[in-house]
Protein backbone atom coordinates (compact mmCIF):
# COMPACT_ATOMS: atom_id res chain seq x y z
CA UNK A 1 -2.63 0.82 -35.29
CA UNK A 2 -4.34 -1.46 -32.80
CA UNK A 3 -5.53 -3.74 -35.61
CA UNK A 4 -2.01 -4.01 -37.01
CA UNK A 5 -0.58 -4.89 -33.61
CA UNK A 6 -3.28 -7.51 -33.15
CA UNK A 7 -2.34 -9.18 -36.44
CA UNK A 8 1.36 -9.14 -35.49
CA UNK A 9 0.49 -10.73 -32.15
CA UNK A 10 -1.37 -13.53 -33.91
CA UNK A 11 1.56 -14.06 -36.26
CA UNK A 12 4.03 -14.18 -33.36
CA UNK A 13 6.06 -11.23 -34.67
CA UNK A 14 5.05 -8.63 -32.08
CA UNK A 15 7.83 -6.60 -30.48
CA UNK A 16 7.87 -5.74 -26.77
CA UNK A 17 6.92 -2.15 -27.58
CA UNK A 18 3.93 -3.30 -29.60
CA UNK A 19 2.82 -5.69 -26.85
CA UNK A 20 3.00 -2.92 -24.27
CA UNK A 21 1.05 -0.56 -26.53
CA UNK A 22 -1.60 -3.21 -27.17
CA UNK A 23 -1.90 -3.95 -23.46
CA UNK A 24 -2.37 -0.27 -22.60
CA UNK A 25 -4.96 0.12 -25.36
CA UNK A 26 -6.91 -2.85 -24.00
CA UNK A 27 -6.91 -1.30 -20.53
CA UNK A 28 -8.21 1.99 -21.94
CA UNK A 29 -11.03 0.26 -23.80
CA UNK A 30 -12.05 -1.78 -20.76
CA UNK A 31 -12.06 1.25 -18.45
CA UNK A 32 -14.30 3.12 -20.88
CA UNK A 33 -16.91 0.41 -20.31
CA UNK A 34 -16.78 0.77 -16.54
CA UNK A 35 -18.64 3.24 -14.40
CA UNK A 36 -16.37 6.03 -13.05
CA UNK A 37 -17.35 4.92 -9.55
CA UNK A 38 -15.51 1.62 -10.08
CA UNK A 39 -12.18 3.19 -11.08
CA UNK A 40 -10.65 3.31 -7.62
CA UNK A 41 -7.67 1.51 -6.17
CA UNK A 42 -7.13 0.73 -2.51
CA UNK A 43 -3.64 0.51 -1.07
CA UNK A 44 -2.01 -0.15 2.30
CA UNK A 45 1.15 1.16 3.95
CA UNK A 46 2.79 -1.02 6.61
CA UNK A 47 4.17 0.60 9.76
CA UNK A 48 6.16 -2.41 10.97
CA UNK A 49 7.05 -1.60 14.57
CA UNK A 50 9.80 -3.32 16.55
CA UNK A 51 9.94 -3.48 20.35
CA UNK A 52 12.62 -0.74 20.46
CA UNK A 53 10.24 1.69 18.69
CA UNK A 54 12.05 1.37 15.38
CA UNK A 55 10.08 1.29 12.12
CA UNK A 56 11.13 -0.59 8.98
CA UNK A 57 11.63 1.55 5.88
CA UNK A 58 12.39 0.27 2.39
CA UNK A 59 13.67 1.49 -0.96
CA UNK A 60 11.79 0.17 -3.98
CA UNK A 61 13.57 -1.43 -6.93
CA UNK A 62 10.52 -0.86 -9.14
CA UNK A 63 7.40 1.29 -8.90
CA UNK A 64 6.63 4.99 -8.47
CA UNK A 65 8.99 5.47 -5.51
CA UNK A 66 11.90 4.01 -7.50
CA UNK A 67 11.23 6.51 -10.29
CA UNK A 68 11.38 9.34 -7.74
CA UNK A 69 14.95 8.45 -6.83
CA UNK A 70 14.86 5.49 -4.45
CA UNK A 71 13.33 7.30 -1.49
CA UNK A 72 12.96 5.66 1.91
CA UNK A 73 9.33 4.75 2.48
CA UNK A 74 6.95 2.33 4.18
CA UNK A 75 6.36 -1.09 2.58
CA UNK A 76 3.22 -0.62 0.51
CA UNK A 77 0.95 -2.47 -1.87
CA UNK A 78 -2.51 -2.77 -3.36
CA UNK A 79 -5.41 -4.61 -1.77
CA UNK A 80 -6.55 -7.59 -3.85
CA UNK A 81 -10.23 -8.02 -4.76
CA UNK A 82 -12.25 -9.44 -1.80
CA UNK A 83 -9.18 -9.05 0.48
CA UNK A 84 -9.57 -7.38 3.89
CA UNK A 85 -7.40 -4.34 4.65
CA UNK A 86 -5.61 -5.92 7.59
CA UNK A 87 -4.94 -9.11 5.64
CA UNK A 88 -3.51 -7.06 2.79
CA UNK A 89 -1.15 -5.24 5.16
CA UNK A 90 0.06 -8.49 6.72
CA UNK A 91 0.49 -10.07 3.29
CA UNK A 92 2.48 -7.13 1.90
CA UNK A 93 4.73 -7.10 4.97
CA UNK A 94 5.37 -10.82 4.58
CA UNK A 95 5.92 -10.68 0.81
CA UNK A 96 8.28 -7.71 0.81
CA UNK A 97 10.23 -8.37 4.03
CA UNK A 98 9.43 -11.97 5.14
CA UNK A 99 8.41 -10.59 8.55
CA UNK A 100 5.51 -12.12 10.49
CA UNK A 101 3.42 -9.43 12.15
CA UNK A 102 0.13 -8.83 13.88
CA UNK A 103 -2.30 -6.10 12.91
CA UNK A 104 -2.81 -3.44 15.59
CA UNK A 105 -4.81 -0.60 14.07
CA UNK A 106 -5.20 1.80 11.18
CA UNK A 107 -3.18 4.92 11.94
CA UNK A 108 -4.82 7.11 9.29
CA UNK A 109 -5.88 7.03 5.65
CA UNK A 110 -5.52 9.24 2.60
CA UNK A 111 -7.94 9.85 -0.27
CA UNK A 112 -6.65 11.37 -3.51
CA UNK A 113 -7.68 11.82 -7.13
CA UNK A 114 -5.66 11.79 -10.31
CA UNK A 115 -2.46 10.65 -8.57
CA UNK A 116 -2.51 7.06 -9.79
CA UNK A 117 -2.48 5.44 -13.22
CA UNK A 118 -2.78 1.85 -12.01
CA UNK A 119 -5.17 0.11 -14.43
CA UNK A 120 -6.83 3.41 -15.20
CA UNK A 121 -7.74 4.20 -11.59
CA UNK A 122 -8.99 7.74 -11.11
CA UNK A 123 -9.03 7.76 -7.30
CA UNK A 124 -6.85 6.25 -4.60
CA UNK A 125 -7.59 5.22 -1.02
CA UNK A 126 -4.46 4.53 1.03
CA UNK A 127 -4.65 3.07 4.56
CA UNK A 128 -1.67 3.27 6.92
CA UNK A 129 -1.68 0.17 9.13
CA UNK A 130 0.25 -0.28 12.37
CA UNK A 131 1.78 -3.77 12.60
CA UNK A 132 3.83 -5.25 15.41
CA UNK A 133 6.42 -7.99 14.99
CA UNK A 134 5.34 -11.37 16.35
CA UNK A 135 8.99 -12.09 17.13
CA UNK A 136 11.46 -9.21 17.50
CA UNK A 137 14.41 -11.47 16.66
CA UNK A 138 13.20 -12.03 13.09
CA UNK A 139 15.55 -11.18 10.24
CA UNK A 140 14.34 -9.36 7.16
CA UNK A 141 14.60 -11.14 3.81
CA UNK A 142 13.75 -8.75 1.00
CA UNK A 143 11.66 -9.48 -2.07
CA UNK A 144 14.47 -8.83 -4.55
CA UNK A 145 12.17 -8.27 -7.53
CA UNK A 146 10.56 -5.24 -5.84
CA UNK A 147 12.68 -4.11 -2.86
CA UNK A 148 16.20 -2.71 -3.20
CA UNK A 149 17.12 -2.10 0.44
CA UNK A 150 15.69 -1.77 3.96
CA UNK A 151 16.65 -0.22 7.28
CA UNK A 152 15.24 0.10 10.79
CA UNK A 153 14.78 3.70 11.84
CA UNK A 154 13.77 5.05 15.24
CA UNK A 155 10.41 6.76 14.92
CA UNK A 156 11.91 10.10 16.02
CA UNK A 157 14.09 10.13 12.87
CA UNK A 158 11.33 9.32 10.36
CA UNK A 159 11.02 12.87 9.02
CA UNK A 160 14.77 13.22 8.55
CA UNK A 161 15.18 9.89 6.76
CA UNK A 162 12.10 10.05 4.49
CA UNK A 163 12.67 13.69 3.61
CA UNK A 164 8.97 14.47 3.22
CA UNK A 165 8.45 18.19 2.66
CA UNK A 166 6.67 19.95 5.50
CA UNK A 167 3.16 21.02 4.62
CA UNK A 168 2.56 18.04 2.32
CA UNK A 169 0.22 15.09 2.79
CA UNK A 170 3.22 12.75 3.00
CA UNK A 171 4.73 14.77 5.85
CA UNK A 172 1.41 14.87 7.70
CA UNK A 173 1.05 11.11 7.30
CA UNK A 174 4.51 10.53 8.78
CA UNK A 175 3.78 12.97 11.61
CA UNK A 176 0.68 10.97 12.49
CA UNK A 177 2.82 7.82 12.68
CA UNK A 178 5.31 9.58 14.96
CA UNK A 179 2.54 10.76 17.29
CA UNK A 180 0.95 7.31 17.55
CA UNK A 181 4.24 5.50 18.23
CA UNK A 182 5.42 8.20 20.65
CA UNK A 183 2.16 7.98 22.57
CA UNK A 184 1.32 11.67 22.20
CA UNK A 185 -1.71 10.58 20.18
CA UNK A 186 -3.20 7.27 21.27
CA UNK A 187 -6.26 7.27 19.04
CA UNK A 188 -6.19 4.76 16.21
CA UNK A 189 -8.83 3.06 14.07
CA UNK A 190 -9.69 -0.51 14.98
CA UNK A 191 -12.14 -2.88 13.34
CA UNK A 192 -14.55 -5.68 14.11
CA UNK A 193 -16.10 -8.26 11.77
CA UNK A 194 -19.85 -8.68 12.20
CA UNK A 195 -22.71 -10.29 10.31
CA UNK A 196 -24.50 -7.95 7.93
CA UNK A 197 -28.04 -6.68 8.54
CA UNK A 198 -30.70 -9.35 9.23
CA UNK A 199 -30.25 -12.65 7.38
CA UNK A 200 -27.70 -11.52 4.84
CA UNK A 201 -24.80 -13.96 5.34
CA UNK A 202 -22.18 -11.49 4.08
CA UNK A 203 -19.95 -10.43 6.98
CA UNK A 204 -18.84 -6.80 7.14
CA UNK A 205 -15.96 -4.97 8.81
CA UNK A 206 -16.89 -2.05 11.04
CA UNK A 207 -14.14 0.54 11.67
CA UNK A 208 -14.14 2.80 14.73
CA UNK A 209 -11.72 4.96 16.75
CA UNK A 210 -10.04 3.38 19.78
CA UNK A 211 -7.47 4.27 22.38
CA UNK A 212 -4.40 2.37 21.12
CA UNK A 213 -2.32 2.81 24.29
C-alpha cells in the first residue's frame, strides 16, 4: 500500500487521503527508529494576566480542544527545538493573541503518558506559565487560522467558564492558577540562566521555587 502511494506521489496523481496516509506512515517508520526516551513533547499554557486580575481564555478553531466542542481554555502550544520555556510561552501568546507580555513564573506543570499523538509522542510535559501584560490597554488580535474566539475572565470565574470536572488534573491545574492569582498561594517556579559546569559553554536554565507575591 505504501509502495503504491509512493508511485502515485511521483506521478502527481496522489489524492489528499493518500498523501495523509503516506505522511502518517512515514512518521510511524521514523519513530520506530528513535529511542522511546526521545518520544516526548513539551508544551506551554499561557496564563495571560491583566491588571484587573482577569485572565484571557480562548476557543480553538483547530486542534484537540476544538474536537472536544470548542471549550474555553488557556492559549497553548508546543515548545520548538532549542527554544526556552519562557520564550515559547511569550511566542505563543504573541502568535495567538498579538499581546506583548512578560514572563513571571511557572505556576505548575503536568506530566502525562499516552494522551498525545503529536508526531508519535508517547509522553507529554506541559508547563503553565504566568505572563503579565506589558501594556494593559492592548487589544487582542486573534490568529484566525487557529483561534476562534477569546474572552477576559476574572480569575474567580475560571472554574465556571472552563467547566473542568472536579477531581481531574485539568481542574487541579485551574485551581492552582486561581490560588496564585488570588494570593492564597504565592509560591511559583522561577528560573535563572547560568553557565554549565566548568568550561562547558552551554548555558543552562535552573528552576526553583520562589515567593511570587
